[in-house]
Amino acid sequence: LEHDFFTLLEYDRRVGKFASQPITLRWEDATGCHRYTPDVAARYTEAAVLADAALRTTLFEVKPREVLKRDWKEFKPKFRAAIAWTRERDFRFRIVTERQIRTPYLDNVRFLMMFRGKRMTSDSESIEEIKRRIRETLYGFKRSTPRDLLNAITQVERLQAEHLPWIWFLLNCNLIGCDLGKPLVMASDIWSLETPDTLGRRA
């Protein structure tokens, strides 16, 4: 579950850094000395914080719901200590379970991360020309689907197969929009996030 959560953080362009078990909190009460190490810490980029003032450096506890329910008495004082510690520093503390992590969004992220690198190639023409054609065609339509966009570009199946990975690449670049909370399929609604100024820039 924690590995899946790392995948989401890695894909989230708002996240500048994240780390596993970043700090151990210590405190004393009437029952003695206690320690608690949150599972994950994430720090957001300056640009992300400027765009969303609600973002804060966050400590996360990542646990299955069943484990939280079973061991809640043990976790409760630890979580209280974490909440107090983060409030003092204007950070945040969050508990995340499989309900927030293992969703269609995670499936989409796993798929799209295969198209983040620069190892994709084209046999027929330059990569830049393929990306330019996709961007300009979708910008003209404003909204489309991957299937309809490919059909508008070419009817040749081999060329469609060469163009398709670059649709996912441009989605990763935030030049194509899509609701990633729903399963990503060839009939998914996609739209251009371009402006006349960005169209001339390389992705």
C-alpha atoms as a PDB file:
ATOM      1  CA  LEU A   1       0.000   0.000   0.000  1.00  0.00           C
ATOM      2  CA  GLU A   2       2.834   2.380   0.857  1.00  0.00           C
ATOM      3  CA  HIS A   3       4.561   1.591  -2.452  1.00  0.00           C
ATOM      4  CA  ASP A   4       1.334   2.463  -4.296  1.00  0.00           C
ATOM      5  CA  PHE A   5       1.170   5.736  -2.388  1.00  0.00           C
ATOM      6  CA  PHE A   6       4.749   6.530  -3.425  1.00  0.00           C
ATOM      7  CA  THR A   7       3.638   6.059  -7.037  1.00  0.00           C
ATOM      8  CA  LEU A   8       0.954   8.710  -6.586  1.00  0.00           C
ATOM      9  CA  LEU A   9       3.400  11.129  -4.977  1.00  0.00           C
ATOM     10  CA  GLU A  10       5.972  10.559  -7.705  1.00  0.00           C
ATOM     11  CA  TYR A  11       3.400  11.367 -10.381  1.00  0.00           C
ATOM     12  CA  ASP A  12       2.006  14.425  -8.584  1.00  0.00           C
ATOM     13  CA  ARG A  13       3.773  17.396 -10.182  1.00  0.00           C
ATOM     14  CA  ARG A  14       2.940  19.504  -7.115  1.00  0.00           C
ATOM     15  CA  VAL A  15       5.206  17.377  -4.913  1.00  0.00           C
ATOM     16  CA  GLY A  16       8.792  18.566  -4.740  1.00  0.00           C
ATOM     17  CA  LYS A  17      10.161  15.915  -2.385  1.00  0.00           C
ATOM     18  CA  PHE A  18       8.877  12.976  -0.390  1.00  0.00           C
ATOM     19  CA  ALA A  19      10.528  10.530   1.984  1.00  0.00           C
ATOM     20  CA  SER A  20       9.745   7.349   3.885  1.00  0.00           C
ATOM     21  CA  GLN A  21       9.776   7.443   7.702  1.00  0.00           C
ATOM     22  CA  PRO A  22      11.184  10.980   7.751  1.00  0.00           C
ATOM     23  CA  ILE A  23      11.123  11.714  11.459  1.00  0.00           C
ATOM     24  CA  THR A  24      10.446  10.116  14.847  1.00  0.00           C
ATOM     25  CA  LEU A  25       8.274  12.048  17.279  1.00  0.00           C
ATOM     26  CA  ARG A  26       8.873  11.629  21.010  1.00  0.00           C
ATOM     27  CA  TRP A  27       6.707  12.691  23.916  1.00  0.00           C
ATOM     28  CA  GLU A  28       5.914  11.897  27.526  1.00  0.00           C
ATOM     29  CA  ASP A  29       2.626  11.570  29.364  1.00  0.00           C
ATOM     30  CA  ALA A  30       1.323   9.946  32.528  1.00  0.00           C
ATOM     31  CA  THR A  31       1.934   6.497  31.076  1.00  0.00           C
ATOM     32  CA  GLY A  32       5.579   7.098  30.202  1.00  0.00           C
ATOM     33  CA  CYS A  33       7.747   7.902  27.156  1.00  0.00           C
ATOM     34  CA  HIS A  34       6.439   7.276  23.652  1.00  0.00           C
ATOM     35  CA  ARG A  35       7.708   7.298  20.082  1.00  0.00           C
ATOM     36  CA  TYR A  36       5.970   7.480  16.721  1.00  0.00           C
ATOM     37  CA  THR A  37       7.399   7.495  13.191  1.00  0.00           C
ATOM     38  CA  PRO A  38       4.968   8.578  10.455  1.00  0.00           C
ATOM     39  CA  ASP A  39       5.172   6.589   7.237  1.00  0.00           C
ATOM     40  CA  VAL A  40       5.742   9.383   4.709  1.00  0.00           C
ATOM     41  CA  ALA A  41       6.450  13.117   4.465  1.00  0.00           C
ATOM     42  CA  ALA A  42       5.773  15.189   1.357  1.00  0.00           C
ATOM     43  CA  ARG A  43       6.883  18.731   0.624  1.00  0.00           C
ATOM     44  CA  TYR A  44       5.228  20.709  -2.161  1.00  0.00           C
ATOM     45  CA  THR A  45       6.943  22.968  -4.656  1.00  0.00           C
ATOM     46  CA  GLU A  46       6.912  26.727  -4.252  1.00  0.00           C
ATOM     47  CA  ALA A  47       4.896  27.061  -7.459  1.00  0.00           C
ATOM     48  CA  ALA A  48       2.289  24.611  -6.167  1.00  0.00           C
ATOM     49  CA  VAL A  49       1.954  26.474  -2.866  1.00  0.00           C
ATOM     50  CA  LEU A  50       1.578  29.786  -4.686  1.00  0.00           C
ATOM     51  CA  ALA A  51      -1.195  28.260  -6.804  1.00  0.00           C
ATOM     52  CA  ASP A  52      -2.915  26.654  -3.797  1.00  0.00           C
ATOM     53  CA  ALA A  53      -2.320  28.348  -0.464  1.00  0.00           C
ATOM     54  CA  ALA A  54      -3.929  25.407   1.357  1.00  0.00           C
ATOM     55  CA  LEU A  55      -0.997  23.111   0.524  1.00  0.00           C
ATOM     56  CA  ARG A  56       1.342  22.371   3.403  1.00  0.00           C
ATOM     57  CA  THR A  57       4.199  19.996   4.065  1.00  0.00           C
ATOM     58  CA  THR A  58       2.342  16.866   5.133  1.00  0.00           C
ATOM     59  CA  LEU A  59       3.074  13.823   7.261  1.00  0.00           C
ATOM     60  CA  PHE A  60       1.133  10.753   6.150  1.00  0.00           C
ATOM     61  CA  GLU A  61       0.207   7.567   7.922  1.00  0.00           C
ATOM     62  CA  VAL A  62      -0.474   4.876   5.306  1.00  0.00           C
ATOM     63  CA  LYS A  63      -2.444   1.930   6.635  1.00  0.00           C
ATOM     64  CA  PRO A  64      -5.174  -0.475   5.494  1.00  0.00           C
ATOM     65  CA  ARG A  65      -8.552   0.314   7.014  1.00  0.00           C
ATOM     66  CA  GLU A  66      -8.668  -3.101   8.630  1.00  0.00           C
ATOM     67  CA  VAL A  67      -5.396  -2.459  10.479  1.00  0.00           C
ATOM     68  CA  LEU A  68      -6.526   0.988  11.641  1.00  0.00           C
ATOM     69  CA  LYS A  69      -9.774  -0.434  12.960  1.00  0.00           C
ATOM     70  CA  ARG A  70      -8.051  -3.342  14.699  1.00  0.00           C
ATOM     71  CA  ASP A  71      -5.292  -1.295  16.341  1.00  0.00           C
ATOM     72  CA  TRP A  72      -7.049   2.047  16.778  1.00  0.00           C
ATOM     73  CA  LYS A  73      -6.404   2.245  20.541  1.00  0.00           C
ATOM     74  CA  GLU A  74      -2.687   1.892  19.889  1.00  0.00           C
ATOM     75  CA  PHE A  75      -2.658   4.406  17.028  1.00  0.00           C
ATOM     76  CA  LYS A  76      -4.871   7.081  18.580  1.00  0.00           C
ATOM     77  CA  PRO A  77      -2.300   8.686  20.967  1.00  0.00           C
ATOM     78  CA  LYS A  78       0.333   8.571  18.214  1.00  0.00           C
ATOM     79  CA  PHE A  79      -1.938  10.376  15.806  1.00  0.00           C
ATOM     80  CA  ARG A  80      -2.786  12.989  18.431  1.00  0.00           C
ATOM     81  CA  ALA A  81       0.907  13.642  18.957  1.00  0.00           C
ATOM     82  CA  ALA A  82       1.436  13.955  15.202  1.00  0.00           C
ATOM     83  CA  ILE A  83      -1.444  16.393  14.845  1.00  0.00           C
ATOM     84  CA  ALA A  84      -0.082  18.569  17.663  1.00  0.00           C
ATOM     85  CA  TRP A  85       3.454  18.459  16.218  1.00  0.00           C
ATOM     86  CA  THR A  86       2.369  19.425  12.710  1.00  0.00           C
ATOM     87  CA  ARG A  87       0.065  22.220  13.900  1.00  0.00           C
ATOM     88  CA  GLU A  88       2.936  23.845  15.766  1.00  0.00           C
ATOM     89  CA  ARG A  89       4.899  23.994  12.500  1.00  0.00           C
ATOM     90  CA  ASP A  90       2.029  24.853  10.157  1.00  0.00           C
ATOM     91  CA  PHE A  91       2.306  21.381   8.608  1.00  0.00           C
ATOM     92  CA  ARG A  92      -0.449  18.826   8.176  1.00  0.00           C
ATOM     93  CA  PHE A  93      -1.063  15.240   9.214  1.00  0.00           C
ATOM     94  CA  ARG A  94      -3.188  12.868   7.165  1.00  0.00           C
ATOM     95  CA  ILE A  95      -4.212   9.233   7.370  1.00  0.00           C
ATOM     96  CA  VAL A  96      -4.607   7.536   4.002  1.00  0.00           C
ATOM     97  CA  THR A  97      -5.974   4.062   3.342  1.00  0.00           C
ATOM     98  CA  GLU A  98      -6.654   1.873   0.337  1.00  0.00           C
ATOM     99  CA  ARG A  99      -9.827   3.894  -0.269  1.00  0.00           C
ATOM    100  CA  GLN A 100      -7.783   6.974  -1.152  1.00  0.00           C
ATOM    101  CA  ILE A 101      -4.923   5.092  -2.825  1.00  0.00           C
ATOM    102  CA  ARG A 102      -6.205   2.098  -4.777  1.00  0.00           C
ATOM    103  CA  THR A 103      -8.549   3.835  -7.162  1.00  0.00           C
ATOM    104  CA  PRO A 104      -8.920   4.191 -10.948  1.00  0.00           C
ATOM    105  CA  TYR A 105      -6.580   7.175 -10.604  1.00  0.00           C
ATOM    106  CA  LEU A 106      -3.759   4.878  -9.409  1.00  0.00           C
ATOM    107  CA  ASP A 107      -4.363   2.552 -12.360  1.00  0.00           C
ATOM    108  CA  ASN A 108      -4.156   5.516 -14.733  1.00  0.00           C
ATOM    109  CA  VAL A 109      -0.999   6.827 -13.103  1.00  0.00           C
ATOM    110  CA  ARG A 110       0.733   3.456 -13.395  1.00  0.00           C
ATOM    111  CA  PHE A 111      -0.154   3.367 -17.086  1.00  0.00           C
ATOM    112  CA  LEU A 112       0.822   6.960 -17.845  1.00  0.00           C
ATOM    113  CA  MET A 113       4.165   6.718 -16.080  1.00  0.00           C
ATOM    114  CA  MET A 114       5.288   4.358 -18.840  1.00  0.00           C
ATOM    115  CA  PHE A 115       5.115   7.341 -21.209  1.00  0.00           C
ATOM    116  CA  ARG A 116       7.107   9.864 -19.202  1.00  0.00           C
ATOM    117  CA  GLY A 117      10.539   9.005 -20.541  1.00  0.00           C
ATOM    118  CA  LYS A 118      12.237   9.968 -23.766  1.00  0.00           C
ATOM    119  CA  ARG A 119      12.882   6.455 -25.042  1.00  0.00           C
ATOM    120  CA  MET A 120       9.891   6.351 -27.412  1.00  0.00           C
ATOM    121  CA  THR A 121      10.789   6.576 -31.082  1.00  0.00           C
ATOM    122  CA  SER A 122       9.066   6.830 -34.437  1.00  0.00           C
ATOM    123  CA  ASP A 123      10.061   4.981 -37.613  1.00  0.00           C
ATOM    124  CA  SER A 124       8.311   7.239 -40.089  1.00  0.00           C
ATOM    125  CA  GLU A 125       8.858  10.844 -39.088  1.00  0.00           C
ATOM    126  CA  SER A 126      10.263  13.059 -36.389  1.00  0.00           C
ATOM    127  CA  ILE A 127       8.853  12.910 -32.902  1.00  0.00           C
ATOM    128  CA  GLU A 128       8.441  16.672 -32.847  1.00  0.00           C
ATOM    129  CA  GLU A 129       6.254  16.525 -35.942  1.00  0.00           C
ATOM    130  CA  ILE A 130       4.031  13.869 -34.367  1.00  0.00           C
ATOM    131  CA  LYS A 131       3.619  15.892 -31.178  1.00  0.00           C
ATOM    132  CA  ARG A 132       2.953  19.078 -33.141  1.00  0.00           C
ATOM    133  CA  ARG A 133       0.244  17.371 -35.204  1.00  0.00           C
ATOM    134  CA  ILE A 134      -1.486  15.970 -32.102  1.00  0.00           C
ATOM    135  CA  ARG A 135      -1.381  19.294 -30.285  1.00  0.00           C
ATOM    136  CA  GLU A 136      -2.656  21.369 -33.191  1.00  0.00           C
ATOM    137  CA  THR A 137      -5.408  18.918 -34.111  1.00  0.00           C
ATOM    138  CA  LEU A 138      -6.730  18.677 -30.564  1.00  0.00           C
ATOM    139  CA  TYR A 139      -6.468  22.443 -30.124  1.00  0.00           C
ATOM    140  CA  GLY A 140      -8.673  22.834 -33.199  1.00  0.00           C
ATOM    141  CA  PHE A 141     -11.274  20.447 -31.776  1.00  0.00           C
ATOM    142  CA  LYS A 142     -10.908  21.691 -28.172  1.00  0.00           C
ATOM    143  CA  ARG A 143     -12.422  18.379 -26.970  1.00  0.00           C
ATOM    144  CA  SER A 144     -12.202  14.880 -28.396  1.00  0.00           C
ATOM    145  CA  THR A 145     -11.310  11.286 -27.464  1.00  0.00           C
ATOM    146  CA  PRO A 146      -8.050   9.465 -28.164  1.00  0.00           C
ATOM    147  CA  ARG A 147      -9.827   7.342 -30.777  1.00  0.00           C
ATOM    148  CA  ASP A 148     -11.456  10.282 -32.570  1.00  0.00           C
ATOM    149  CA  LEU A 149      -8.281  12.332 -32.414  1.00  0.00           C
ATOM    150  CA  LEU A 150      -6.257   9.576 -34.068  1.00  0.00           C
ATOM    151  CA  ASN A 151      -8.904   9.119 -36.753  1.00  0.00           C
ATOM    152  CA  ALA A 152      -8.779  12.835 -37.475  1.00  0.00           C
ATOM    153  CA  ILE A 153      -4.993  12.725 -37.853  1.00  0.00           C
ATOM    154  CA  THR A 154      -4.706   9.615 -40.027  1.00  0.00           C
ATOM    155  CA  GLN A 155      -6.681   6.564 -41.118  1.00  0.00           C
ATOM    156  CA  VAL A 156      -3.538   4.437 -41.370  1.00  0.00           C
ATOM    157  CA  GLU A 157      -3.485   2.052 -38.399  1.00  0.00           C
ATOM    158  CA  ARG A 158       0.311   1.836 -38.304  1.00  0.00           C
ATOM    159  CA  LEU A 159       0.573   5.614 -38.048  1.00  0.00           C
ATOM    160  CA  GLN A 160      -2.171   5.747 -35.434  1.00  0.00           C
ATOM    161  CA  ALA A 161      -0.176   3.268 -33.357  1.00  0.00           C
ATOM    162  CA  GLU A 162       2.857   5.562 -33.622  1.00  0.00           C
ATOM    163  CA  HIS A 163       0.864   8.624 -32.577  1.00  0.00           C
ATOM    164  CA  LEU A 164      -0.989   7.073 -29.617  1.00  0.00           C
ATOM    165  CA  PRO A 165       1.924   6.939 -27.121  1.00  0.00           C
ATOM    166  CA  TRP A 166       2.506  10.637 -27.695  1.00  0.00           C
ATOM    167  CA  ILE A 167      -1.071  11.447 -26.686  1.00  0.00           C
ATOM    168  CA  TRP A 168      -0.277   9.887 -23.299  1.00  0.00           C
ATOM    169  CA  PHE A 169       3.068  11.701 -23.243  1.00  0.00           C
ATOM    170  CA  LEU A 170       1.378  15.078 -23.819  1.00  0.00           C
ATOM    171  CA  LEU A 171      -1.181  14.278 -21.136  1.00  0.00           C
ATOM    172  CA  ASN A 172       1.737  13.795 -18.748  1.00  0.00           C
ATOM    173  CA  CYS A 173       3.110  17.177 -19.864  1.00  0.00           C
ATOM    174  CA  ASN A 174      -0.176  18.847 -18.849  1.00  0.00           C
ATOM    175  CA  LEU A 175      -0.855  19.894 -22.442  1.00  0.00           C
ATOM    176  CA  ILE A 176      -3.820  17.536 -22.702  1.00  0.00           C
ATOM    177  CA  GLY A 177      -6.499  17.378 -20.038  1.00  0.00           C
ATOM    178  CA  CYS A 178      -8.439  14.314 -18.903  1.00  0.00           C
ATOM    179  CA  ASP A 179     -10.421  13.202 -15.852  1.00  0.00           C
ATOM    180  CA  LEU A 180      -7.986  10.693 -14.385  1.00  0.00           C
ATOM    181  CA  GLY A 181     -10.464   9.787 -11.684  1.00  0.00           C
ATOM    182  CA  LYS A 182     -12.187   7.633 -14.299  1.00  0.00           C
ATOM    183  CA  PRO A 183     -10.676   4.654 -16.175  1.00  0.00           C
ATOM    184  CA  LEU A 184      -8.557   5.891 -19.073  1.00  0.00           C
ATOM    185  CA  VAL A 185      -9.746   4.299 -22.333  1.00  0.00           C
ATOM    186  CA  MET A 186      -9.814   5.157 -26.018  1.00  0.00           C
ATOM    187  CA  ALA A 187     -13.264   6.703 -25.570  1.00  0.00           C
ATOM    188  CA  SER A 188     -12.225   8.936 -22.657  1.00  0.00           C
ATOM    189  CA  ASP A 189     -12.975  12.628 -22.945  1.00  0.00           C
ATOM    190  CA  ILE A 190      -9.777  14.619 -23.518  1.00  0.00           C
ATOM    191  CA  TRP A 191      -9.287  18.321 -24.147  1.00  0.00           C
ATOM    192  CA  SER A 192      -6.583  20.767 -25.078  1.00  0.00           C
ATOM    193  CA  LEU A 193      -4.895  22.766 -22.329  1.00  0.00           C
ATOM    194  CA  GLU A 194      -2.977  24.795 -24.885  1.00  0.00           C
ATOM    195  CA  THR A 195      -3.031  28.512 -25.537  1.00  0.00           C
ATOM    196  CA  PRO A 196      -1.856  30.235 -28.723  1.00  0.00           C
ATOM    197  CA  ASP A 197       1.399  31.011 -26.873  1.00  0.00           C
ATOM    198  CA  THR A 198       2.109  27.409 -25.826  1.00  0.00           C
ATOM    199  CA  LEU A 199       1.362  25.864 -29.198  1.00  0.00           C
ATOM    200  CA  GLY A 200       4.687  27.026 -30.591  1.00  0.00           C
ATOM    201  CA  ARG A 201       6.719  25.602 -27.715  1.00  0.00           C
ATOM    202  CA  ARG A 202       8.276  22.164 -27.606  1.00  0.00           C
ATOM    203  CA  ALA A 203       6.762  19.610 -25.239  1.00  0.00           C
END
